[in-house]
Amino acid sequence: MDMEGRGTLPGRHRTGHLRFRSRGGGEGRSPASGAGDCSSDGALQLQLVELECPGWVGCTRTPSRLRGPSRDAAWFESHALYVKELTSDRLPDGTLFLPDMDPVAGVLVIAGSSGRVDNSRARLFAEAGCAAATLRYFGGSGQAPGICEIPLKTFVLALDVLVEHAPSRLGIVGTSKGAEAALAVAVRDARVNVVVGFAPTSVTWGNLGAGHDGNLRPQRSSWTWQGKPLPFVNYDDDWPVPPEPIAYRPMYEHSLRVDPVQAERAALRVEDSPARLVLVAGDDDQLWPSDLFARQLAERRQGRDVDIIIGRGAGHHARLPGEPAVEPSSEMARGGNPSADAALGERAWPQILEVLHF
């Protein structure tokens, strides 16, 4: 069946087709206004696999049952996620996920030093009712190959996209270096209502990877704001590197002690941000001391609008419900174990949703 109809994207109308898969495995098309044949028991198992609309990559949903004669657009949109690529000169690589309802919040998801476009986590937040965007901030076209003097404006531009869909509440969810960026942006952009920092840091660090010039040294800040580099903590290049898998936590702790004045200048001044903070860390984080950093951030806020969730035995990567386990690295020790990492994510998830929804 192939008929045209009018479908509704969140907050706007588009004309296009919904492509569905029947319970028997065959595929067909239906207008977004809703049409289809019911089986003899008045029910048809459908899985929506694509929405064809200009500018939108697709639409996915979980299987549901269609009953009775009423088959309107609301049914077809139930539990759907609309997916759009964020591609422009200013945002070269990213994805926007929209739920099929008015979003409760806009959430920018920033990955860590992997630099990936974290579609799996962004999708998770969209399934919870948020407009969720994620983007590549280094290693892409026109970007520095490493986390070296990355303009924080990159993330502000993504927030500009989100505010079009969720103008009343904005959050940033960052992991590791992504949490560092999230906190730095929140200090400078008062639109940010919530920051969720997984394995956060309390200071800005030097570059990880090369800058636009292709060089790793001299050390430079990871981030810039309005063309100026943020104050940062240098890594001690004389730190003796142990055998792999390397636990970098002692190196970060040592680098902070080398120059306390520099460390204070590089502090992320979260006391200047109105955003609510949710800080999630494992006490067995072997990449850097995120549990210590989380407590330092809370001290700067004097406990104001901050929640700390520390996972006993958890490492650098808390795993939220529905997320796959992180593959172990033979080069870098992250600490924790799959059970403890998952338990930390289970504890954090309800608190994160509560803060984003209210």
Protein backbone atom coordinates (compact mmCIF):
# COMPACT_ATOMS: atom_id res chain seq x y z
CA MET A 1 0.00 0.00 0.00
CA ASP A 2 1.42 3.41 -0.93
CA MET A 3 -0.60 6.51 -0.16
CA GLU A 4 0.35 10.07 0.62
CA GLY A 5 -0.73 11.86 3.77
CA ARG A 6 0.27 14.54 6.20
CA GLY A 7 2.44 13.72 9.20
CA THR A 8 3.38 15.76 12.22
CA LEU A 9 6.91 16.28 13.41
CA PRO A 10 7.37 17.68 16.90
CA GLY A 11 6.29 21.31 16.82
CA ARG A 12 5.85 21.45 13.04
CA HIS A 13 4.11 19.79 10.06
CA ARG A 14 5.68 17.90 7.19
CA THR A 15 4.20 15.96 4.32
CA GLY A 16 5.68 12.54 3.77
CA HIS A 17 5.41 8.78 4.03
CA LEU A 18 5.73 6.46 6.97
CA ARG A 19 7.19 3.10 6.03
CA PHE A 20 6.23 0.24 8.31
CA ARG A 21 6.98 -3.43 8.69
CA SER A 22 4.13 -5.80 9.42
CA ARG A 23 4.24 -8.61 11.96
CA GLY A 24 4.77 -11.07 9.14
CA GLY A 25 7.89 -9.26 8.00
CA GLY A 26 6.56 -7.67 4.82
CA GLU A 27 7.00 -3.95 4.28
CA GLY A 28 4.49 -1.41 3.07
CA ARG A 29 3.80 2.28 3.16
CA SER A 30 1.13 4.30 4.86
CA PRO A 31 0.31 7.98 4.99
CA ALA A 32 1.23 9.76 8.18
CA SER A 33 -2.43 10.48 8.73
CA GLY A 34 -2.86 6.77 9.35
CA ALA A 35 -4.11 3.97 7.16
CA GLY A 36 -3.72 0.26 7.15
CA ASP A 37 -5.46 -3.07 7.19
CA CYS A 38 -6.29 -4.82 10.43
CA SER A 39 -6.14 -8.56 10.70
CA SER A 40 -9.23 -10.61 11.50
CA ASP A 41 -8.79 -9.99 15.22
CA GLY A 42 -8.77 -6.24 14.65
CA ALA A 43 -5.07 -5.88 15.48
CA LEU A 44 -1.98 -5.42 13.37
CA GLN A 45 1.60 -5.53 14.61
CA LEU A 46 3.58 -2.69 13.01
CA GLN A 47 7.09 -1.44 13.39
CA LEU A 48 7.72 2.03 12.03
CA VAL A 49 11.13 2.03 10.38
CA GLU A 50 11.30 5.24 8.36
CA LEU A 51 9.79 8.66 7.91
CA GLU A 52 10.43 10.21 4.52
CA CYS A 53 10.45 13.98 4.98
CA PRO A 54 12.80 16.58 3.57
CA GLY A 55 15.74 17.25 5.85
CA TRP A 56 14.97 14.37 8.21
CA VAL A 57 16.98 11.17 8.08
CA GLY A 58 14.27 8.90 9.44
CA CYS A 59 11.91 7.92 12.18
CA THR A 60 12.10 4.83 14.34
CA ARG A 61 9.77 3.33 16.88
CA THR A 62 9.26 0.22 18.93
CA PRO A 63 6.64 -2.32 17.82
CA SER A 64 3.09 -1.51 18.93
CA ARG A 65 -0.40 -2.87 18.32
CA LEU A 66 -3.03 -1.08 16.27
CA ARG A 67 -6.57 -1.83 17.39
CA GLY A 68 -10.01 -0.84 16.19
CA PRO A 69 -11.04 1.49 13.37
CA SER A 70 -9.28 4.60 14.66
CA ARG A 71 -5.89 4.99 12.98
CA ASP A 72 -4.87 8.63 13.24
CA ALA A 73 -1.55 10.45 13.16
CA ALA A 74 -1.21 10.28 16.94
CA TRP A 75 -0.99 6.51 16.82
CA PHE A 76 1.68 6.47 14.13
CA GLU A 77 3.76 8.96 16.08
CA SER A 78 3.45 7.13 19.40
CA HIS A 79 6.88 6.22 20.79
CA ALA A 80 8.61 7.55 17.67
CA LEU A 81 11.94 9.31 17.44
CA TYR A 82 12.63 11.72 14.61
CA VAL A 83 16.24 11.87 13.52
CA LYS A 84 17.96 14.71 11.71
CA GLU A 85 21.58 15.18 10.71
CA LEU A 86 23.19 18.39 11.95
CA THR A 87 25.43 19.32 9.06
CA SER A 88 26.55 22.82 8.22
CA ASP A 89 29.72 24.84 7.94
CA ARG A 90 29.54 25.57 11.66
CA LEU A 91 28.29 22.15 12.84
CA PRO A 92 30.01 19.70 10.50
CA ASP A 93 28.94 16.40 12.06
CA GLY A 94 26.10 15.74 14.48
CA THR A 95 22.63 14.30 15.02
CA LEU A 96 19.40 15.67 16.44
CA PHE A 97 16.85 13.30 17.98
CA LEU A 98 13.31 14.52 18.68
CA PRO A 99 10.60 12.65 20.56
CA ASP A 100 7.06 12.54 19.24
CA MET A 101 5.85 14.88 21.98
CA ASP A 102 6.72 18.36 23.15
CA PRO A 103 10.22 17.84 24.59
CA VAL A 104 10.54 18.26 28.35
CA ALA A 105 14.08 19.60 27.84
CA GLY A 106 16.80 20.03 25.28
CA VAL A 107 19.92 17.97 25.99
CA LEU A 108 23.32 18.28 24.35
CA VAL A 109 25.32 15.06 24.70
CA ILE A 110 29.10 15.48 24.54
CA ALA A 111 31.33 12.41 24.37
CA GLY A 112 34.78 12.16 25.88
CA SER A 113 38.19 11.85 24.26
CA SER A 114 36.92 9.26 21.77
CA GLY A 115 35.45 12.20 19.86
CA ARG A 116 32.53 10.12 18.63
CA VAL A 117 29.07 11.37 17.81
CA ASP A 118 27.35 9.69 20.77
CA ASN A 119 24.12 8.69 19.07
CA SER A 120 23.37 5.85 21.48
CA ARG A 121 23.30 8.10 24.55
CA ALA A 122 21.49 10.91 22.74
CA ARG A 123 18.84 8.44 21.62
CA LEU A 124 18.42 7.31 25.23
CA PHE A 125 17.60 10.86 26.32
CA ALA A 126 15.23 11.34 23.38
CA GLU A 127 13.39 8.18 24.37
CA ALA A 128 12.97 9.79 27.80
CA GLY A 129 11.20 12.76 26.21
CA CYS A 130 14.07 15.17 25.54
CA ALA A 131 15.19 16.83 22.34
CA ALA A 132 18.75 15.48 22.21
CA ALA A 133 21.68 16.53 20.07
CA THR A 134 25.19 15.17 19.84
CA LEU A 135 28.11 16.29 17.72
CA ARG A 136 31.72 15.73 16.79
CA TYR A 137 33.90 18.49 18.20
CA PHE A 138 37.34 17.41 17.02
CA GLY A 139 38.78 15.19 14.35
CA GLY A 140 36.20 16.17 11.75
CA SER A 141 36.29 18.29 8.65
CA GLY A 142 37.83 21.67 9.43
CA GLN A 143 38.41 20.73 13.07
CA ALA A 144 41.60 20.22 15.04
CA PRO A 145 42.69 16.55 14.99
CA GLY A 146 42.87 16.50 18.80
CA ILE A 147 41.25 18.25 21.76
CA CYS A 148 43.38 21.33 21.40
CA GLU A 149 42.00 24.86 21.62
CA ILE A 150 38.50 23.74 20.66
CA PRO A 151 36.13 26.74 20.58
CA LEU A 152 33.41 26.43 23.20
CA LYS A 153 31.28 28.25 20.63
CA THR A 154 30.95 24.84 18.93
CA PHE A 155 28.71 23.68 21.77
CA VAL A 156 26.86 26.99 22.03
CA LEU A 157 25.83 26.62 18.39
CA ALA A 158 24.40 23.20 19.18
CA LEU A 159 22.47 24.72 22.09
CA ASP A 160 21.07 27.26 19.64
CA VAL A 161 19.60 24.37 17.65
CA LEU A 162 18.12 22.74 20.75
CA VAL A 163 16.51 25.90 22.06
CA GLU A 164 14.35 25.97 18.92
CA HIS A 165 12.73 22.74 20.09
CA ALA A 166 12.92 23.04 23.90
CA PRO A 167 13.14 26.73 24.77
CA SER A 168 12.26 26.41 28.45
CA ARG A 169 14.96 24.03 29.72
CA LEU A 170 18.44 23.19 28.46
CA GLY A 171 20.89 20.62 29.75
CA ILE A 172 24.33 19.36 28.79
CA VAL A 173 25.38 15.79 29.46
CA GLY A 174 29.13 15.30 29.16
CA THR A 175 31.48 12.43 29.84
CA SER A 176 35.11 12.92 30.90
CA LYS A 177 36.54 15.59 28.55
CA GLY A 178 32.96 16.16 27.43
CA ALA A 179 32.05 16.94 31.05
CA GLU A 180 34.95 19.39 31.15
CA ALA A 181 33.50 21.15 28.11
CA ALA A 182 29.97 21.02 29.52
CA LEU A 183 30.97 22.73 32.75
CA ALA A 184 33.06 25.33 30.93
CA VAL A 185 30.10 26.20 28.69
CA ALA A 186 27.65 26.39 31.61
CA VAL A 187 29.88 28.93 33.35
CA ARG A 188 29.61 31.16 30.25
CA ASP A 189 26.10 30.49 28.90
CA ALA A 190 23.34 31.26 31.39
CA ARG A 191 20.77 29.41 29.27
CA VAL A 192 22.10 26.10 30.60
CA ASN A 193 19.83 24.89 33.40
CA VAL A 194 21.40 21.50 34.07
CA VAL A 195 24.82 19.91 33.66
CA VAL A 196 25.24 16.17 34.10
CA GLY A 197 28.93 15.38 34.39
CA PHE A 198 29.97 11.75 34.08
CA ALA A 199 33.55 11.30 35.36
CA PRO A 200 34.01 15.09 35.53
CA THR A 201 37.06 17.21 36.18
CA SER A 202 37.24 20.33 38.34
CA VAL A 203 39.87 22.11 36.20
CA THR A 204 40.64 22.77 32.56
CA TRP A 205 43.48 20.59 31.29
CA GLY A 206 46.02 20.92 28.53
CA ASN A 207 45.47 19.54 25.08
CA LEU A 208 44.89 15.89 24.32
CA GLY A 209 46.13 15.42 20.80
CA ALA A 210 47.37 17.84 18.19
CA GLY A 211 46.03 21.24 17.27
CA HIS A 212 45.37 22.66 13.83
CA ASP A 213 49.14 22.95 13.37
CA GLY A 214 49.53 19.18 13.78
CA ASN A 215 51.75 19.57 16.87
CA LEU A 216 51.29 18.07 20.32
CA ARG A 217 53.68 20.50 22.01
CA PRO A 218 53.98 23.09 23.35
CA GLN A 219 51.04 22.35 25.60
CA ARG A 220 47.98 24.46 24.98
CA SER A 221 44.54 24.72 26.49
CA SER A 222 41.89 22.22 25.49
CA TRP A 223 39.35 25.04 24.98
CA THR A 224 38.97 28.63 23.86
CA TRP A 225 36.29 31.22 24.49
CA GLN A 226 35.85 34.22 22.23
CA GLY A 227 39.20 33.46 20.63
CA LYS A 228 41.16 33.26 23.89
CA PRO A 229 42.48 30.03 25.43
CA LEU A 230 41.12 29.06 28.85
CA PRO A 231 43.70 28.84 31.69
CA PHE A 232 44.77 25.22 32.01
CA VAL A 233 46.85 22.75 34.01
CA ASN A 234 49.97 21.41 32.30
CA TYR A 235 50.67 17.71 32.27
CA ASP A 236 54.01 16.84 33.84
CA ASP A 237 55.88 15.40 30.87
CA ASP A 238 58.50 13.98 33.26
CA TRP A 239 55.97 11.67 34.88
CA PRO A 240 57.29 8.10 34.51
CA VAL A 241 54.90 6.19 32.27
CA PRO A 242 54.12 2.70 33.66
CA PRO A 243 53.51 -0.42 31.53
CA GLU A 244 50.20 -0.83 29.73
CA PRO A 245 47.37 -0.74 30.52
CA ILE A 246 48.32 2.64 31.93
CA ALA A 247 46.48 4.07 34.93
CA TYR A 248 46.71 7.81 34.34
CA ARG A 249 45.08 8.79 37.64
CA PRO A 250 48.44 9.25 39.45
CA MET A 251 49.67 11.48 36.63
CA TYR A 252 46.66 13.80 36.95
CA GLU A 253 47.00 13.90 40.73
CA HIS A 254 50.71 14.65 40.43
CA SER A 255 50.21 17.37 37.79
CA LEU A 256 47.80 19.20 40.10
CA ARG A 257 50.38 19.23 42.88
CA VAL A 258 53.21 20.58 40.71
CA ASP A 259 51.76 24.10 40.50
CA PRO A 260 48.82 24.79 42.86
CA VAL A 261 48.58 28.40 41.68
CA GLN A 262 48.18 27.26 38.08
CA ALA A 263 45.58 24.73 39.18
CA GLU A 264 43.51 27.41 40.91
CA ARG A 265 43.65 29.65 37.84
CA ALA A 266 42.42 26.71 35.75
CA ALA A 267 39.55 25.85 38.09
CA LEU A 268 36.13 25.50 36.49
CA ARG A 269 34.28 28.24 38.35
CA VAL A 270 30.95 26.49 38.63
CA GLU A 271 29.96 28.88 41.42
CA ASP A 272 29.39 31.42 38.62
CA SER A 273 26.87 29.23 36.83
CA PRO A 274 23.14 29.06 37.68
CA ALA A 275 22.94 25.49 36.36
CA ARG A 276 22.00 22.55 38.56
CA LEU A 277 24.85 20.02 38.66
CA VAL A 278 24.59 16.25 38.75
CA LEU A 279 28.05 14.73 39.10
CA VAL A 280 28.49 10.99 38.56
CA ALA A 281 31.81 9.30 39.32
CA GLY A 282 33.31 5.97 40.31
CA ASP A 283 35.67 5.69 43.26
CA ASP A 284 37.80 3.25 41.25
CA ASP A 285 38.26 5.60 38.28
CA GLN A 286 41.82 4.91 37.14
CA LEU A 287 41.85 7.32 34.21
CA TRP A 288 41.64 10.42 36.38
CA PRO A 289 40.33 11.11 39.92
CA SER A 290 36.78 11.99 38.94
CA ASP A 291 35.45 11.21 42.42
CA LEU A 292 37.88 13.76 43.89
CA PHE A 293 37.05 16.25 41.14
CA ALA A 294 33.31 15.88 41.78
CA ARG A 295 33.78 16.72 45.45
CA GLN A 296 35.93 19.73 44.56
CA LEU A 297 33.21 21.03 42.24
CA ALA A 298 30.63 20.61 45.00
CA GLU A 299 32.89 22.51 47.40
CA ARG A 300 33.10 25.40 44.95
CA ARG A 301 29.29 25.49 44.90
CA GLN A 302 29.16 25.12 48.69
CA GLY A 303 26.63 22.37 48.15
CA ARG A 304 24.24 24.67 46.27
CA ASP A 305 22.17 22.92 43.58
CA VAL A 306 24.56 20.01 43.22
CA ASP A 307 24.05 16.26 43.48
CA ILE A 308 27.00 13.88 43.74
CA ILE A 309 26.57 10.21 42.95
CA ILE A 310 29.71 8.16 43.67
CA GLY A 311 29.73 4.51 42.68
CA ARG A 312 31.61 2.12 44.90
CA GLY A 313 33.98 0.04 42.79
CA ALA A 314 32.89 1.81 39.58
CA GLY A 315 35.39 3.14 37.08
CA HIS A 316 35.54 5.87 34.45
CA HIS A 317 32.46 4.84 32.46
CA ALA A 318 29.10 4.62 34.21
CA ARG A 319 26.69 2.64 32.05
CA LEU A 320 23.13 3.91 31.85
CA PRO A 321 20.24 1.44 31.54
CA GLY A 322 20.02 0.23 27.96
CA GLU A 323 23.59 1.16 27.05
CA PRO A 324 26.13 -1.47 25.98
CA ALA A 325 29.16 -2.21 28.12
CA VAL A 326 32.36 -0.36 27.22
CA GLU A 327 34.99 -2.61 25.70
CA PRO A 328 38.11 -2.89 27.87
CA SER A 329 41.29 -1.22 26.62
CA SER A 330 44.66 -2.93 26.48
CA GLU A 331 46.40 0.45 26.54
CA MET A 332 44.53 2.42 29.20
CA ALA A 333 43.19 1.37 32.61
CA ARG A 334 39.73 2.78 33.31
CA GLY A 335 39.03 0.99 36.59
CA GLY A 336 35.75 -0.46 37.75
CA ASN A 337 34.02 -3.53 36.37
CA PRO A 338 30.88 -4.10 34.27
CA SER A 339 28.68 -4.80 37.30
CA ALA A 340 29.76 -1.75 39.31
CA ASP A 341 29.66 0.52 36.24
CA ALA A 342 26.11 -0.61 35.47
CA ALA A 343 25.04 -0.21 39.10
CA LEU A 344 26.30 3.39 39.09
CA GLY A 345 24.32 4.12 35.94
CA GLU A 346 21.19 2.56 37.44
CA ARG A 347 21.52 4.81 40.50
CA ALA A 348 22.19 7.95 38.50
CA TRP A 349 19.52 7.60 35.81
CA PRO A 350 16.40 8.41 37.88
CA GLN A 351 18.09 11.43 39.44
CA ILE A 352 19.20 12.70 36.02
CA LEU A 353 15.67 12.40 34.62
CA GLU A 354 14.15 14.13 37.64
CA VAL A 355 16.49 17.09 37.29
CA LEU A 356 15.90 17.38 33.54
CA HIS A 357 12.13 17.10 33.81
CA PHE A 358 11.75 19.65 36.58
